[in-house]
């Protein structure tokens, strides 16, 4: 447990930030799941619209260090390649 008042404040700030980061990560994962479900169903139009929202959430999470920005870029690249492959069929 923190002893000083500044350490107590830091603990409160960390708890608030952790809750915010987890909610952003959860929203990002939910959006990615929607893209993957659309890909599995073979619906290229739905997948591309869901991908736009997912890319926005990935970029936001990457810029705020919730996930690494290279990981966000890698996920976006792989999903866009899968969408492109479905559209060419």
N, C-alpha and C. Protein backbone atom coordinates (compact mmCIF):
# COMPACT_ATOMS: atom_id res chain seq x y z
N UNK A 1 0.83 -1.18 0.00
CA UNK A 1 0.00 0.00 0.00
C UNK A 1 0.88 1.25 0.00
N UNK A 2 0.43 2.28 -0.70
CA UNK A 2 1.20 3.52 -0.73
C UNK A 2 1.14 4.23 0.62
N UNK A 3 2.23 4.89 0.96
CA UNK A 3 2.29 5.58 2.24
C UNK A 3 2.13 7.08 2.08
N UNK A 4 2.76 7.64 1.09
CA UNK A 4 2.70 9.09 0.92
C UNK A 4 1.44 9.48 0.14
N UNK A 5 1.07 10.74 0.26
CA UNK A 5 -0.13 11.20 -0.43
C UNK A 5 0.07 11.19 -1.94
N UNK A 6 1.29 11.48 -2.39
CA UNK A 6 1.54 11.46 -3.83
C UNK A 6 1.48 10.03 -4.38
N UNK A 7 1.91 9.06 -3.57
CA UNK A 7 1.82 7.67 -4.00
C UNK A 7 0.37 7.20 -4.04
N UNK A 8 -0.45 7.70 -3.10
CA UNK A 8 -1.87 7.36 -3.11
C UNK A 8 -2.56 7.92 -4.35
N UNK A 9 -2.21 9.16 -4.69
CA UNK A 9 -2.77 9.77 -5.89
C UNK A 9 -2.34 9.01 -7.13
N UNK A 10 -1.08 8.63 -7.20
CA UNK A 10 -0.57 7.87 -8.34
C UNK A 10 -1.33 6.55 -8.49
N UNK A 11 -1.62 5.89 -7.38
CA UNK A 11 -2.37 4.64 -7.42
C UNK A 11 -3.78 4.87 -7.98
N UNK A 12 -4.44 5.96 -7.54
CA UNK A 12 -5.76 6.27 -8.07
C UNK A 12 -5.70 6.55 -9.57
N UNK A 13 -4.70 7.29 -10.00
CA UNK A 13 -4.56 7.60 -11.43
C UNK A 13 -4.31 6.33 -12.23
N UNK A 14 -3.47 5.44 -11.70
CA UNK A 14 -3.17 4.20 -12.41
C UNK A 14 -4.41 3.33 -12.57
N UNK A 15 -5.26 3.30 -11.55
CA UNK A 15 -6.48 2.49 -11.64
C UNK A 15 -7.43 3.05 -12.70
N UNK A 16 -7.56 4.37 -12.76
CA UNK A 16 -8.44 4.98 -13.76
C UNK A 16 -7.89 4.73 -15.16
N UNK A 17 -6.59 4.90 -15.34
CA UNK A 17 -5.98 4.70 -16.65
C UNK A 17 -6.05 3.25 -17.10
N UNK A 18 -5.88 2.33 -16.14
CA UNK A 18 -5.97 0.91 -16.47
C UNK A 18 -7.37 0.55 -16.96
N UNK A 19 -8.39 1.07 -16.28
CA UNK A 19 -9.77 0.80 -16.69
C UNK A 19 -10.04 1.36 -18.08
N UNK A 20 -9.54 2.56 -18.35
CA UNK A 20 -9.75 3.18 -19.66
C UNK A 20 -9.04 2.38 -20.75
N UNK A 21 -7.80 1.99 -20.49
CA UNK A 21 -7.03 1.23 -21.48
C UNK A 21 -7.68 -0.12 -21.76
N UNK A 22 -8.19 -0.78 -20.71
CA UNK A 22 -8.84 -2.07 -20.92
C UNK A 22 -10.12 -1.93 -21.74
N UNK A 23 -10.87 -0.85 -21.51
CA UNK A 23 -12.09 -0.68 -22.29
C UNK A 23 -11.77 -0.39 -23.75
N UNK A 24 -10.70 0.38 -24.02
CA UNK A 24 -10.30 0.63 -25.40
C UNK A 24 -9.83 -0.66 -26.08
N UNK A 25 -9.08 -1.47 -25.33
CA UNK A 25 -8.59 -2.73 -25.89
C UNK A 25 -9.75 -3.68 -26.16
N UNK A 26 -10.74 -3.69 -25.28
CA UNK A 26 -11.90 -4.56 -25.45
C UNK A 26 -12.71 -4.13 -26.68
N UNK A 27 -12.88 -2.83 -26.86
CA UNK A 27 -13.61 -2.33 -28.03
C UNK A 27 -12.86 -2.66 -29.32
N UNK A 28 -11.54 -2.57 -29.28
CA UNK A 28 -10.72 -2.89 -30.44
C UNK A 28 -10.87 -4.38 -30.80
N UNK A 29 -10.80 -5.23 -29.79
CA UNK A 29 -10.90 -6.67 -30.04
C UNK A 29 -12.30 -7.05 -30.56
N UNK A 30 -13.32 -6.38 -30.05
CA UNK A 30 -14.67 -6.64 -30.53
C UNK A 30 -14.80 -6.28 -32.00
N UNK A 31 -14.23 -5.14 -32.38
CA UNK A 31 -14.29 -4.72 -33.78
C UNK A 31 -13.51 -5.69 -34.66
N UNK A 32 -12.36 -6.16 -34.20
CA UNK A 32 -11.58 -7.14 -34.97
C UNK A 32 -12.36 -8.44 -35.13
N UNK A 33 -13.10 -8.83 -34.09
CA UNK A 33 -13.91 -10.04 -34.18
C UNK A 33 -14.99 -9.88 -35.23
N UNK A 34 -15.58 -8.70 -35.32
CA UNK A 34 -16.61 -8.46 -36.33
C UNK A 34 -16.03 -8.58 -37.74
N UNK A 35 -14.81 -8.07 -37.93
CA UNK A 35 -14.16 -8.18 -39.25
C UNK A 35 -13.91 -9.64 -39.58
N UNK A 36 -13.38 -10.38 -38.60
CA UNK A 36 -13.05 -11.79 -38.85
C UNK A 36 -14.30 -12.63 -39.09
N UNK A 37 -15.39 -12.30 -38.43
CA UNK A 37 -16.65 -13.03 -38.67
C UNK A 37 -17.17 -12.75 -40.07
N UNK A 38 -17.05 -11.50 -40.52
CA UNK A 38 -17.48 -11.16 -41.88
C UNK A 38 -16.60 -11.86 -42.91
N UNK A 39 -15.32 -11.97 -42.62
CA UNK A 39 -14.42 -12.69 -43.53
C UNK A 39 -14.77 -14.17 -43.59
N UNK A 40 -15.07 -14.73 -42.43
CA UNK A 40 -15.41 -16.15 -42.39
C UNK A 40 -16.71 -16.42 -43.14
N UNK A 41 -17.64 -15.46 -43.07
CA UNK A 41 -18.91 -15.61 -43.78
C UNK A 41 -18.75 -15.35 -45.28
N UNK A 42 -17.63 -14.76 -45.68
CA UNK A 42 -17.39 -14.49 -47.09
C UNK A 42 -18.03 -13.21 -47.58
N UNK A 43 -18.43 -12.34 -46.68
CA UNK A 43 -19.08 -11.07 -47.03
C UNK A 43 -18.02 -9.97 -47.14
N UNK A 44 -17.57 -9.70 -48.35
CA UNK A 44 -16.49 -8.74 -48.57
C UNK A 44 -16.93 -7.31 -48.28
N UNK A 45 -18.17 -6.97 -48.61
CA UNK A 45 -18.65 -5.61 -48.36
C UNK A 45 -18.72 -5.30 -46.87
N UNK A 46 -19.31 -6.21 -46.11
CA UNK A 46 -19.40 -6.02 -44.67
C UNK A 46 -18.00 -6.01 -44.04
N UNK A 47 -17.13 -6.89 -44.52
CA UNK A 47 -15.78 -6.95 -43.98
C UNK A 47 -15.02 -5.66 -44.21
N UNK A 48 -15.20 -5.06 -45.39
CA UNK A 48 -14.47 -3.82 -45.67
C UNK A 48 -15.01 -2.65 -44.85
N UNK A 49 -16.32 -2.61 -44.61
CA UNK A 49 -16.85 -1.53 -43.78
C UNK A 49 -16.45 -1.70 -42.32
N UNK A 50 -16.48 -2.94 -41.85
CA UNK A 50 -16.04 -3.20 -40.47
C UNK A 50 -14.53 -2.96 -40.33
N UNK A 51 -13.79 -3.23 -41.40
CA UNK A 51 -12.34 -3.03 -41.36
C UNK A 51 -11.99 -1.56 -41.19
N UNK A 52 -12.76 -0.67 -41.79
CA UNK A 52 -12.48 0.76 -41.64
C UNK A 52 -12.58 1.18 -40.17
N UNK A 53 -13.61 0.70 -39.50
CA UNK A 53 -13.76 1.01 -38.08
C UNK A 53 -12.67 0.35 -37.25
N UNK A 54 -12.30 -0.87 -37.63
CA UNK A 54 -11.25 -1.57 -36.89
C UNK A 54 -9.90 -0.89 -37.08
N UNK A 55 -9.63 -0.41 -38.28
CA UNK A 55 -8.36 0.28 -38.53
C UNK A 55 -8.26 1.54 -37.70
N UNK A 56 -9.37 2.24 -37.57
CA UNK A 56 -9.38 3.45 -36.75
C UNK A 56 -9.08 3.12 -35.29
N UNK A 57 -9.70 2.07 -34.78
CA UNK A 57 -9.47 1.68 -33.39
C UNK A 57 -8.04 1.17 -33.19
N UNK A 58 -7.51 0.45 -34.17
CA UNK A 58 -6.13 -0.02 -34.08
C UNK A 58 -5.15 1.15 -34.07
N UNK A 59 -5.38 2.13 -34.95
CA UNK A 59 -4.50 3.29 -34.98
C UNK A 59 -4.55 4.06 -33.67
N UNK A 60 -5.75 4.21 -33.13
CA UNK A 60 -5.89 4.92 -31.86
C UNK A 60 -5.17 4.18 -30.74
N UNK A 61 -5.34 2.86 -30.69
CA UNK A 61 -4.69 2.07 -29.65
C UNK A 61 -3.18 2.09 -29.82
N UNK A 62 -2.71 2.05 -31.06
CA UNK A 62 -1.28 2.08 -31.30
C UNK A 62 -0.66 3.42 -30.95
N UNK A 63 -1.36 4.50 -31.24
CA UNK A 63 -0.81 5.82 -30.93
C UNK A 63 -0.80 6.10 -29.44
N UNK A 64 -1.67 5.43 -28.69
CA UNK A 64 -1.73 5.64 -27.24
C UNK A 64 -1.01 4.55 -26.46
N UNK A 65 -0.23 3.73 -27.14
CA UNK A 65 0.59 2.69 -26.52
C UNK A 65 -0.24 1.65 -25.76
N UNK A 66 -1.47 1.44 -26.18
CA UNK A 66 -2.25 0.35 -25.60
C UNK A 66 -1.77 -0.97 -26.21
N UNK A 67 -1.49 -0.94 -27.52
CA UNK A 67 -0.74 -2.00 -28.18
C UNK A 67 0.40 -1.32 -28.92
N UNK A 68 1.38 -2.07 -29.32
CA UNK A 68 2.50 -1.49 -30.05
C UNK A 68 2.04 -1.06 -31.43
N UNK A 69 2.55 0.06 -31.90
CA UNK A 69 2.08 0.58 -33.19
C UNK A 69 2.44 -0.35 -34.34
N UNK A 70 3.55 -1.08 -34.23
CA UNK A 70 3.89 -2.04 -35.28
C UNK A 70 2.94 -3.23 -35.26
N UNK A 71 2.47 -3.61 -34.09
CA UNK A 71 1.49 -4.69 -34.00
C UNK A 71 0.17 -4.25 -34.64
N UNK A 72 -0.21 -3.00 -34.43
CA UNK A 72 -1.42 -2.48 -35.05
C UNK A 72 -1.28 -2.50 -36.57
N UNK A 73 -0.12 -2.08 -37.07
CA UNK A 73 0.11 -2.07 -38.51
C UNK A 73 0.09 -3.49 -39.07
N UNK A 74 0.65 -4.43 -38.33
CA UNK A 74 0.69 -5.82 -38.79
C UNK A 74 -0.71 -6.41 -38.87
N UNK A 75 -1.54 -6.14 -37.87
CA UNK A 75 -2.91 -6.64 -37.87
C UNK A 75 -3.69 -6.05 -39.04
N UNK A 76 -3.55 -4.73 -39.25
CA UNK A 76 -4.25 -4.08 -40.35
C UNK A 76 -3.80 -4.65 -41.69
N UNK A 77 -2.52 -4.90 -41.85
CA UNK A 77 -1.99 -5.43 -43.10
C UNK A 77 -2.55 -6.82 -43.39
N UNK A 78 -2.58 -7.66 -42.38
CA UNK A 78 -3.07 -9.03 -42.57
C UNK A 78 -4.56 -9.05 -42.89
N UNK A 79 -5.32 -8.21 -42.18
CA UNK A 79 -6.76 -8.17 -42.45
C UNK A 79 -7.06 -7.62 -43.84
N UNK A 80 -6.34 -6.58 -44.24
CA UNK A 80 -6.59 -6.00 -45.56
C UNK A 80 -6.21 -7.00 -46.66
N UNK A 81 -5.17 -7.80 -46.44
CA UNK A 81 -4.81 -8.82 -47.42
C UNK A 81 -5.90 -9.88 -47.52
N UNK A 82 -6.50 -10.25 -46.39
CA UNK A 82 -7.58 -11.24 -46.41
C UNK A 82 -8.82 -10.68 -47.12
N UNK A 83 -9.12 -9.40 -46.89
CA UNK A 83 -10.27 -8.78 -47.54
C UNK A 83 -10.03 -8.71 -49.05
N UNK A 84 -8.82 -8.35 -49.43
CA UNK A 84 -8.48 -8.27 -50.85
C UNK A 84 -8.59 -9.63 -51.51
N UNK A 85 -8.18 -10.68 -50.82
CA UNK A 85 -8.27 -12.02 -51.37
C UNK A 85 -9.72 -12.45 -51.58
N UNK A 86 -10.60 -12.07 -50.67
CA UNK A 86 -12.02 -12.41 -50.81
C UNK A 86 -12.65 -11.63 -51.96
N UNK A 87 -12.26 -10.37 -52.12
CA UNK A 87 -12.84 -9.53 -53.17
C UNK A 87 -12.43 -10.02 -54.56
N UNK A 88 -11.29 -10.65 -54.68
CA UNK A 88 -10.81 -11.11 -55.99
C UNK A 88 -11.46 -12.42 -56.43
N UNK A 89 -12.14 -13.08 -55.51
CA UNK A 89 -12.81 -14.34 -55.87
C UNK A 89 -14.02 -14.11 -56.70
